[in-house]
């Protein structure tokens, strides 16, 4: 199944619209809830999410990616994966129900028992939609994701804010999350035509798992590693410390997830359709890296250089301790699309074995950094996470030097122009913030964003950054058709 450039771009726009709409709603809800709830409420939910996030990886078991990667996947494959996912979801919920007292004892917080058992319902809910998501991604009908995500975000926002206003505290966050997952799953079932058939082939599952188990192992390593940082902070330090650490990630994550998730969803099926033509995969990888960093870098730098004003306005001064974390994560998240492009190229070529080896190497490095930094405080741990991000970027790109003839040094040459211009634009935005203008803080931030954006675009045009021309050429036909 080959996709045209127009197919790719239109589906990218739908995916970006879905992610952006969801994150805008999430951003507004965060502002409201952060004013109604305490940092410790967010930290308490984060403690439970450490375990749920890891178990959610098991719920898919790598079958979703395997369905997307398999060229001739049919109803037998999809139906077989659906039934095994539901069975795994039920098993995982039973495990979390039984583990609830142990988790509460580990954190020395008895109230966590009920919280764990209720929040764990997401494992059951998500097991019903994993295959629907794989079907949408494989056939690149991302308009369906748009409807599901936006509908779920709006309904869950109303539920979460209402409960927080009525004084339900941490349970407002729980209800918001459960509602989001339930409504999103229901909308997908109504809008996607695929339904499971009464067939289940162990032979097909075995074939899919031969690819998927490596993806499962890789995802478990990555997710377990990421959540281990949260677990250690929650255990050694306070829920408030964990909340500041997490809130520092939320602002850059708000931007990065939109673009990176859109790129990730589009790249794998597109590259997989061209897996027999490595030159085309290489060209896609290079274009994805150059274009994504061109978009991502200025956003992250302007956000970092205006972070104090943003946090003060949006979350109030009680959240200012999260500003240093925000700046660190802006740098770290800026390179996420580079990781995404390199890893999708490896997966598209069917080399999940290499993918797994990379994850093992990265986690050995990351765990070494984690265990060294954890004794020196949460801020030192954040700097350690930044260091592992840089090292992981080098590790992820290394195999593509041989597979595609596009190694890290070549990639770095493609990245540097956009990064340098982004830093300059961030400094320009910072200068506006330092002027102490006698206007409302919201107007100061708006002016910082405008100055940063204009500086970046002007310099990009002056230095003939080719990603600017590429984006213009991609958007122009669509605009012309709309106006015509």
Protein backbone atom coordinates (compact mmCIF):
# COMPACT_ATOMS: atom_id res chain seq x y z
CA UNK A 1 0.00 0.00 0.00
CA UNK A 2 1.87 3.09 -1.25
CA UNK A 3 0.92 6.60 -0.17
CA UNK A 4 1.33 9.74 -2.26
CA UNK A 5 2.99 12.88 -0.96
CA UNK A 6 -0.47 14.48 -0.78
CA UNK A 7 -1.78 11.53 1.30
CA UNK A 8 1.11 11.89 3.70
CA UNK A 9 0.77 15.64 4.10
CA UNK A 10 -3.02 15.64 4.51
CA UNK A 11 -2.87 12.88 7.12
CA UNK A 12 -0.07 14.73 8.88
CA UNK A 13 -2.34 17.80 9.04
CA UNK A 14 -5.21 15.71 10.45
CA UNK A 15 -2.92 14.14 13.04
CA UNK A 16 -1.43 17.50 13.94
CA UNK A 17 -4.92 19.00 14.22
CA UNK A 18 -5.95 16.16 16.49
CA UNK A 19 -2.94 16.53 18.74
CA UNK A 20 -3.06 20.33 18.74
CA UNK A 21 -6.77 20.48 19.53
CA UNK A 22 -6.35 17.97 22.33
CA UNK A 23 -3.37 19.78 23.78
CA UNK A 24 -5.02 23.20 23.60
CA UNK A 25 -7.93 21.83 25.60
CA UNK A 26 -5.51 20.09 27.97
CA UNK A 27 -3.59 23.35 28.34
CA UNK A 28 -6.72 25.27 29.32
CA UNK A 29 -7.76 22.52 31.73
CA UNK A 30 -4.27 22.50 33.26
CA UNK A 31 -4.48 26.23 33.91
CA UNK A 32 -7.83 25.86 35.66
CA UNK A 33 -7.01 22.71 37.63
CA UNK A 34 -3.59 24.03 38.70
CA UNK A 35 -5.39 26.92 40.35
CA UNK A 36 -8.02 24.71 41.99
CA UNK A 37 -5.78 21.82 43.09
CA UNK A 38 -2.51 21.55 44.98
CA UNK A 39 0.82 20.32 43.55
CA UNK A 40 0.57 17.32 45.89
CA UNK A 41 -2.65 16.21 44.13
CA UNK A 42 -0.79 16.02 40.82
CA UNK A 43 2.08 14.24 42.52
CA UNK A 44 -0.25 11.61 44.00
CA UNK A 45 -1.73 10.76 40.59
CA UNK A 46 1.78 10.63 39.12
CA UNK A 47 2.74 7.99 41.70
CA UNK A 48 -0.01 5.67 40.43
CA UNK A 49 0.72 6.43 36.77
CA UNK A 50 4.23 5.03 37.23
CA UNK A 51 2.74 1.53 37.36
CA UNK A 52 -0.14 2.02 34.92
CA UNK A 53 2.11 3.40 32.22
CA UNK A 54 4.36 0.35 32.40
CA UNK A 55 1.46 -2.12 32.34
CA UNK A 56 -0.16 -0.32 29.41
CA UNK A 57 2.81 -1.42 27.29
CA UNK A 58 1.85 -5.04 28.02
CA UNK A 59 -1.73 -4.35 26.95
CA UNK A 60 -0.58 -3.85 23.36
CA UNK A 61 2.31 -6.36 23.55
CA UNK A 62 3.92 -4.93 20.40
CA UNK A 63 1.11 -6.25 18.20
CA UNK A 64 -0.04 -2.78 17.15
CA UNK A 65 3.26 -1.88 15.53
CA UNK A 66 3.47 -5.38 14.02
CA UNK A 67 0.05 -4.91 12.35
CA UNK A 68 1.15 -1.60 10.86
CA UNK A 69 4.46 -2.99 9.65
CA UNK A 70 3.01 -6.16 8.10
CA UNK A 71 2.27 -5.52 4.43
CA UNK A 72 -0.62 -7.96 3.98
CA UNK A 73 -2.32 -7.77 7.40
CA UNK A 74 -5.99 -8.80 7.07
CA UNK A 75 -9.08 -9.34 9.26
CA UNK A 76 -7.66 -12.54 10.69
CA UNK A 77 -4.61 -10.68 11.95
CA UNK A 78 -6.58 -7.74 13.34
CA UNK A 79 -9.24 -9.91 15.00
CA UNK A 80 -6.70 -12.23 16.57
CA UNK A 81 -4.80 -9.29 18.06
CA UNK A 82 -8.04 -7.73 19.32
CA UNK A 83 -8.99 -10.80 21.38
CA UNK A 84 -5.52 -11.27 22.83
CA UNK A 85 -5.36 -7.57 23.78
CA UNK A 86 -8.68 -7.76 25.65
CA UNK A 87 -7.56 -10.88 27.50
CA UNK A 88 -4.30 -9.21 28.50
CA UNK A 89 -6.18 -6.08 29.61
CA UNK A 90 -8.40 -8.12 31.96
CA UNK A 91 -5.37 -9.91 33.39
CA UNK A 92 -3.49 -6.67 33.98
CA UNK A 93 -6.45 -5.10 35.78
CA UNK A 94 -6.66 -8.10 38.08
CA UNK A 95 -2.94 -7.73 38.82
CA UNK A 96 -3.30 -4.04 39.68
CA UNK A 97 -6.30 -4.76 41.91
CA UNK A 98 -4.22 -7.21 43.89
CA UNK A 99 -1.13 -4.98 43.95
CA UNK A 100 -2.97 -1.89 45.23
CA UNK A 101 -2.21 -2.50 48.95
CA UNK A 102 1.46 -3.18 48.13
CA UNK A 103 1.76 0.06 46.15
CA UNK A 104 0.13 2.02 48.97
CA UNK A 105 2.53 0.42 51.45
CA UNK A 106 5.55 1.19 49.24
CA UNK A 107 4.73 4.90 49.22
CA UNK A 108 3.41 4.78 52.81
CA UNK A 109 0.11 6.30 51.65
CA UNK A 110 -2.89 4.10 52.65
CA UNK A 111 -5.33 6.22 50.61
CA UNK A 112 -3.68 5.01 47.40
CA UNK A 113 -5.47 1.64 47.50
CA UNK A 114 -8.80 2.93 46.18
CA UNK A 115 -7.04 5.32 43.81
CA UNK A 116 -5.03 2.51 42.22
CA UNK A 117 -8.04 0.25 41.76
CA UNK A 118 -10.16 2.92 40.12
CA UNK A 119 -7.42 4.38 37.90
CA UNK A 120 -6.50 0.89 36.69
CA UNK A 121 -9.78 0.73 34.77
CA UNK A 122 -7.91 2.51 31.96
CA UNK A 123 -6.17 -0.82 31.24
CA UNK A 124 -9.53 -2.43 30.43
CA UNK A 125 -10.75 0.54 28.42
CA UNK A 126 -7.61 0.87 26.33
CA UNK A 127 -7.52 -2.84 25.51
CA UNK A 128 -10.71 -2.30 23.51
CA UNK A 129 -9.20 0.35 21.24
CA UNK A 130 -5.59 -0.71 20.62
CA UNK A 131 -6.47 -2.55 17.40
CA UNK A 132 -8.78 0.26 16.26
CA UNK A 133 -5.83 2.64 16.59
CA UNK A 134 -3.57 0.29 14.63
CA UNK A 135 -6.21 0.03 11.89
CA UNK A 136 -6.51 3.81 11.61
CA UNK A 137 -2.72 4.23 11.49
CA UNK A 138 -2.14 1.47 8.93
CA UNK A 139 -4.78 2.86 6.55
CA UNK A 140 -3.85 6.47 7.33
CA UNK A 141 -7.39 7.66 8.11
CA UNK A 142 -6.31 10.02 10.86
CA UNK A 143 -9.49 12.05 10.58
CA UNK A 144 -11.00 9.39 12.88
CA UNK A 145 -8.41 10.14 15.57
CA UNK A 146 -9.34 13.82 15.31
CA UNK A 147 -12.97 13.17 16.18
CA UNK A 148 -12.19 10.70 18.95
CA UNK A 149 -9.51 12.75 20.66
CA UNK A 150 -11.30 16.09 20.49
CA UNK A 151 -14.60 14.65 21.71
CA UNK A 152 -12.92 12.86 24.60
CA UNK A 153 -10.87 15.91 25.56
CA UNK A 154 -13.90 18.20 25.72
CA UNK A 155 -16.09 15.83 27.77
CA UNK A 156 -13.28 14.89 30.18
CA UNK A 157 -12.39 18.58 30.63
CA UNK A 158 -15.92 19.35 31.76
CA UNK A 159 -15.90 16.39 34.17
CA UNK A 160 -12.47 17.18 35.65
CA UNK A 161 -13.07 20.90 36.15
CA UNK A 162 -16.55 20.36 37.62
CA UNK A 163 -15.27 17.84 40.16
CA UNK A 164 -12.29 20.02 41.10
CA UNK A 165 -14.58 23.02 41.62
CA UNK A 166 -16.85 20.90 43.83
CA UNK A 167 -13.88 19.97 46.03
CA UNK A 168 -13.15 16.37 44.98
CA UNK A 169 -9.40 17.08 44.95
CA UNK A 170 -7.27 14.31 43.47
CA UNK A 171 -10.37 12.40 42.33
CA UNK A 172 -11.07 15.15 39.82
CA UNK A 173 -7.85 14.17 38.01
CA UNK A 174 -8.80 10.49 38.16
CA UNK A 175 -12.27 11.12 36.74
CA UNK A 176 -10.86 13.29 33.98
CA UNK A 177 -8.46 10.57 32.86
CA UNK A 178 -11.01 7.76 32.95
CA UNK A 179 -13.57 9.83 31.05
CA UNK A 180 -11.01 10.79 28.42
CA UNK A 181 -10.10 7.17 27.71
CA UNK A 182 -13.71 5.90 27.76
CA UNK A 183 -15.14 8.58 25.46
CA UNK A 184 -12.19 8.34 23.05
CA UNK A 185 -12.64 4.58 22.79
CA UNK A 186 -16.40 4.87 22.22
CA UNK A 187 -16.00 7.44 19.44
CA UNK A 188 -13.40 5.31 17.66
CA UNK A 189 -15.79 2.35 17.71
CA UNK A 190 -18.55 4.48 16.19
CA UNK A 191 -16.40 6.14 13.49
CA UNK A 192 -14.08 3.31 12.38
CA UNK A 193 -15.77 0.69 10.18
CA UNK A 194 -13.58 -2.23 11.28
CA UNK A 195 -15.11 -4.75 13.68
CA UNK A 196 -13.52 -7.92 15.08
CA UNK A 197 -14.61 -11.15 13.40
CA UNK A 198 -15.24 -14.37 15.30
CA UNK A 199 -11.84 -15.72 14.31
CA UNK A 200 -8.57 -16.07 16.15
CA UNK A 201 -5.45 -17.62 14.68
CA UNK A 202 -2.63 -18.62 16.97
CA UNK A 203 -0.44 -19.08 13.90
CA UNK A 204 -1.01 -15.45 12.86
CA UNK A 205 -0.39 -14.25 16.40
CA UNK A 206 2.85 -16.19 16.47
CA UNK A 207 3.97 -14.57 13.22
CA UNK A 208 3.08 -11.06 14.44
CA UNK A 209 4.70 -11.68 17.80
CA UNK A 210 7.97 -12.68 16.12
CA UNK A 211 8.24 -9.01 15.16
CA UNK A 212 6.20 -7.58 18.02
CA UNK A 213 8.05 -9.17 20.94
CA UNK A 214 11.11 -7.10 20.14
CA UNK A 215 8.96 -3.98 20.02
CA UNK A 216 7.32 -5.01 23.30
CA UNK A 217 10.69 -5.54 24.94
CA UNK A 218 11.93 -2.21 23.60
CA UNK A 219 8.81 -0.39 24.79
CA UNK A 220 9.05 -2.02 28.21
CA UNK A 221 12.67 -0.98 28.55
CA UNK A 222 11.89 2.58 27.51
CA UNK A 223 8.71 2.98 29.54
CA UNK A 224 10.08 1.21 32.60
CA UNK A 225 13.18 3.37 32.45
CA UNK A 226 11.17 6.60 32.13
CA UNK A 227 8.85 5.65 34.97
CA UNK A 228 11.75 4.59 37.19
CA UNK A 229 12.81 8.24 37.38
CA UNK A 230 9.31 9.12 38.57
CA UNK A 231 9.25 6.24 41.05
CA UNK A 232 12.58 7.21 42.61
CA UNK A 233 11.62 10.88 42.89
CA UNK A 234 8.28 9.89 44.46
CA UNK A 235 10.02 7.56 46.93
CA UNK A 236 13.09 9.63 47.90
CA UNK A 237 11.51 13.06 47.72
CA UNK A 238 8.03 14.56 48.20
CA UNK A 239 4.91 14.39 45.97
CA UNK A 240 5.35 18.16 45.49
CA UNK A 241 8.89 17.64 44.13
CA UNK A 242 7.51 15.07 41.71
CA UNK A 243 4.75 17.49 40.71
CA UNK A 244 7.24 20.28 39.92
CA UNK A 245 9.39 17.83 37.94
CA UNK A 246 6.35 16.64 35.97
CA UNK A 247 4.92 20.12 35.47
CA UNK A 248 8.27 21.20 34.04
CA UNK A 249 7.82 18.53 31.38
CA UNK A 250 4.23 19.46 30.58
CA UNK A 251 4.85 22.76 28.81
CA UNK A 252 7.45 21.51 26.31
CA UNK A 253 5.57 18.23 26.07
CA UNK A 254 2.44 20.19 25.13
CA UNK A 255 4.22 21.42 22.00
CA UNK A 256 6.45 18.46 21.20
CA UNK A 257 3.80 15.76 21.53
CA UNK A 258 1.64 17.44 18.90
CA UNK A 259 4.33 17.50 16.25
CA UNK A 260 6.24 14.38 17.24
CA UNK A 261 3.15 12.17 17.54
CA UNK A 262 1.98 13.42 14.15
CA UNK A 263 5.37 12.64 12.59
CA UNK A 264 5.54 9.27 14.35
CA UNK A 265 2.06 8.20 13.17
CA UNK A 266 2.77 9.15 9.57
CA UNK A 267 6.38 8.00 9.22
CA UNK A 268 6.08 4.31 10.07
CA UNK A 269 3.29 3.38 7.62
CA UNK A 270 4.80 5.64 4.94
CA UNK A 271 8.33 4.26 5.34
CA UNK A 272 7.03 0.70 5.63
CA UNK A 273 5.33 1.08 2.25
CA UNK A 274 8.77 1.94 0.78
CA UNK A 275 10.84 -0.56 2.76
CA UNK A 276 12.17 -2.19 -0.42
CA UNK A 277 13.66 1.15 -1.57
CA UNK A 278 16.24 2.23 0.97
CA UNK A 279 17.14 5.43 -0.83
CA UNK A 280 13.55 6.61 -0.46
CA UNK A 281 13.55 5.67 3.22
CA UNK A 282 16.79 7.63 3.66
CA UNK A 283 15.34 10.68 1.92
CA UNK A 284 12.20 10.50 4.09
CA UNK A 285 14.32 10.22 7.22
CA UNK A 286 16.43 13.22 6.30
CA UNK A 287 13.45 15.34 5.35
CA UNK A 288 11.63 14.40 8.56
CA UNK A 289 14.64 15.36 10.68
CA UNK A 290 15.30 18.67 8.93
CA UNK A 291 11.68 19.76 8.83
CA UNK A 292 10.79 18.71 12.37
CA UNK A 293 13.80 20.40 13.95
CA UNK A 294 13.07 23.52 11.87
CA UNK A 295 9.61 23.65 13.45
CA UNK A 296 10.49 22.39 16.92
CA UNK A 297 13.68 24.28 17.78
CA UNK A 298 12.31 27.85 17.80
CA UNK A 299 9.26 26.80 19.81
CA UNK A 300 11.40 25.19 22.48
CA UNK A 301 13.91 28.03 22.68
CA UNK A 302 11.29 30.80 22.86
CA UNK A 303 9.45 28.84 25.55
CA UNK A 304 12.64 28.29 27.56
CA UNK A 305 13.69 31.95 27.41
CA UNK A 306 10.21 33.16 28.44
CA UNK A 307 9.47 30.36 30.93
CA UNK A 308 9.30 32.46 34.11
CA UNK A 309 6.65 34.73 32.65
CA UNK A 310 4.69 31.80 31.23
CA UNK A 311 4.59 29.86 34.51
CA UNK A 312 3.72 32.98 36.53
CA UNK A 313 0.82 33.84 34.23
CA UNK A 314 -0.55 30.36 33.64
CA UNK A 315 0.04 28.48 36.88
CA UNK A 316 0.63 31.30 39.38
CA UNK A 317 3.76 31.84 41.47
CA UNK A 318 3.23 28.72 43.59
CA UNK A 319 4.48 26.71 40.56
CA UNK A 320 7.66 28.77 39.92
CA UNK A 321 9.92 25.96 41.26
CA UNK A 322 9.12 24.08 38.03
CA UNK A 323 10.80 26.74 35.82
CA UNK A 324 14.36 25.25 35.90
CA UNK A 325 12.92 21.84 35.00
CA UNK A 326 10.97 23.42 32.16
CA UNK A 327 14.14 24.92 30.64
CA UNK A 328 16.02 21.64 30.86
CA UNK A 329 13.19 19.70 29.24
CA UNK A 330 12.84 22.27 26.46
CA UNK A 331 16.35 21.36 25.32
CA UNK A 332 15.75 17.64 25.76
CA UNK A 333 12.38 17.55 23.98
CA UNK A 334 13.64 19.65 21.09
CA UNK A 335 15.45 16.60 19.70
CA UNK A 336 12.61 14.10 20.08
CA UNK A 337 11.67 14.12 16.37
CA UNK A 338 15.26 13.17 15.56
CA UNK A 339 14.89 10.06 17.69
CA UNK A 340 11.51 9.36 16.08
CA UNK A 341 12.75 9.61 12.50
CA UNK A 342 15.78 7.37 13.09
CA UNK A 343 13.85 4.69 14.96
CA UNK A 344 10.97 4.62 12.48
CA UNK A 345 13.45 4.11 9.65
CA UNK A 346 14.89 1.10 11.48
CA UNK A 347 11.41 -0.34 12.17
CA UNK A 348 10.21 0.27 8.62
CA UNK A 349 13.12 -1.84 7.34
CA UNK A 350 11.94 -4.66 9.60
CA UNK A 351 14.97 -4.45 11.89
CA UNK A 352 13.21 -4.67 15.24
CA UNK A 353 16.25 -6.66 16.42
CA UNK A 354 18.41 -3.54 16.04
CA UNK A 355 15.69 -1.48 17.70
CA UNK A 356 15.78 -3.75 20.75
CA UNK A 357 19.59 -3.68 20.95
CA UNK A 358 19.54 0.12 20.86
CA UNK A 359 17.03 0.22 23.71
CA UNK A 360 19.20 -2.06 25.83
CA UNK A 361 22.30 0.08 25.23
CA UNK A 362 20.44 3.31 25.97
CA UNK A 363 18.93 1.98 29.16
CA UNK A 364 22.27 0.75 30.48
CA UNK A 365 23.65 4.23 29.93
CA UNK A 366 20.55 5.90 31.35
CA UNK A 367 20.38 3.75 34.47
CA UNK A 368 24.04 4.48 35.18
CA UNK A 369 23.30 8.19 35.04
CA UNK A 370 20.13 7.80 37.12
CA UNK A 371 21.77 5.89 39.97
CA UNK A 372 24.64 8.36 40.04
CA UNK A 373 22.45 11.50 40.12
CA UNK A 374 19.55 10.37 42.35
CA UNK A 375 21.48 11.01 45.55
CA UNK A 376 22.14 14.66 44.65
CA UNK A 377 18.59 15.94 44.30
CA UNK A 378 15.82 16.24 41.74
CA UNK A 379 17.53 19.04 39.78
CA UNK A 380 20.67 16.96 39.31
CA UNK A 381 18.47 14.11 38.10
CA UNK A 382 16.92 16.43 35.51
CA UNK A 383 20.36 17.36 34.19
CA UNK A 384 21.17 13.66 34.09
CA UNK A 385 18.07 13.06 31.98
CA UNK A 386 19.27 15.76 29.57
CA UNK A 387 22.66 14.05 29.28
CA UNK A 388 21.06 10.70 28.52
CA UNK A 389 18.89 12.38 25.89
CA UNK A 390 21.96 13.65 24.04
CA UNK A 391 23.68 10.27 24.25
CA UNK A 392 20.50 8.48 23.10
CA UNK A 393 20.32 10.69 20.05
CA UNK A 394 23.79 9.54 19.00
CA UNK A 395 22.96 5.88 19.73
CA UNK A 396 19.66 5.95 17.79
CA UNK A 397 21.27 7.41 14.70
CA UNK A 398 24.26 5.08 14.66
CA UNK A 399 22.72 2.09 12.76
CA UNK A 400 21.43 4.36 9.98
CA UNK A 401 25.01 5.16 9.04
CA UNK A 402 25.16 1.64 7.65
CA UNK A 403 21.50 0.98 6.84
CA UNK A 404 20.83 4.24 5.02
CA UNK A 405 24.17 5.98 4.63
CA UNK A 406 22.87 8.77 6.89
CA UNK A 407 24.87 8.84 10.12
CA UNK A 408 24.95 11.19 13.09
CA UNK A 409 27.53 13.65 11.77
CA UNK A 410 25.50 14.10 8.60
CA UNK A 411 22.37 14.56 10.69
CA UNK A 412 24.13 17.07 12.93
CA UNK A 413 25.03 19.19 9.92
CA UNK A 414 21.35 19.21 8.98
CA UNK A 415 20.30 20.16 12.53
CA UNK A 416 22.76 22.93 13.41
CA UNK A 417 21.44 25.79 11.22
CA UNK A 418 17.95 25.58 12.70
CA UNK A 419 19.25 25.20 16.26
CA UNK A 420 21.55 28.23 16.01
CA UNK A 421 18.79 30.41 14.60
CA UNK A 422 16.39 29.12 17.28
CA UNK A 423 18.78 30.14 20.07
CA UNK A 424 19.07 33.61 18.55
CA UNK A 425 15.28 33.90 18.40
CA UNK A 426 15.05 32.75 22.04
CA UNK A 427 17.55 35.41 23.13
CA UNK A 428 15.51 38.04 21.27
CA UNK A 429 12.38 36.92 23.14
CA UNK A 430 14.29 36.98 26.44
CA UNK A 431 15.36 40.57 25.75
CA UNK A 432 11.72 41.61 25.51
CA UNK A 433 11.01 39.98 28.85
CA UNK A 434 13.91 41.82 30.50
CA UNK A 435 12.63 45.23 29.41
CA UNK A 436 9.99 45.26 32.21
CA UNK A 437 7.37 46.83 29.97
CA UNK A 438 4.43 48.52 31.79
CA UNK A 439 1.85 46.20 30.23
CA UNK A 440 -0.03 43.06 31.31
CA UNK A 441 2.10 39.92 31.54
CA UNK A 442 -0.03 38.20 28.87
CA UNK A 443 0.88 40.97 26.41
CA UNK A 444 4.56 40.67 27.32
CA UNK A 445 4.49 36.93 26.55
CA UNK A 446 2.61 37.56 23.30
CA UNK A 447 5.23 40.12 22.31
CA UNK A 448 8.03 37.67 23.20
CA UNK A 449 6.48 34.99 20.97
CA UNK A 450 5.99 37.42 18.07
CA UNK A 451 9.54 38.78 18.30
CA UNK A 452 10.97 35.27 18.55
CA UNK A 453 8.94 34.00 15.57
CA UNK A 454 9.68 37.01 13.35
CA UNK A 455 13.39 36.81 14.18
CA UNK A 456 13.51 33.12 13.35
CA UNK A 457 11.59 33.37 10.07
CA UNK A 458 13.55 36.42 8.94
CA UNK A 459 16.89 34.74 9.63
CA UNK A 460 15.69 31.52 7.98
CA UNK A 461 14.80 33.45 4.84
CA UNK A 462 18.06 35.41 4.95
CA UNK A 463 20.19 32.26 5.25
CA UNK A 464 18.04 30.28 2.79
CA UNK A 465 17.11 27.45 5.16
CA UNK A 466 15.64 24.87 2.76
CA UNK A 467 13.03 23.59 5.24
CA UNK A 468 11.26 26.95 5.01
CA UNK A 469 10.96 26.54 1.24
CA UNK A 470 9.87 22.91 1.60
CA UNK A 471 7.04 23.82 3.98
CA UNK A 472 5.95 26.65 1.72
CA UNK A 473 5.85 24.36 -1.32
CA UNK A 474 3.90 21.70 0.63
CA UNK A 475 1.29 24.15 1.91
CA UNK A 476 0.88 26.28 -1.22
CA UNK A 477 -1.12 23.73 -3.34
CA UNK A 478 -3.55 23.13 -0.51
CA UNK A 479 -4.09 26.85 0.03
CA UNK A 480 -4.57 27.39 -3.70
CA UNK A 481 -7.19 24.60 -3.86
CA UNK A 482 -9.05 26.02 -0.88
CA UNK A 483 -9.09 29.55 -2.34
CA UNK A 484 -10.03 28.22 -5.75
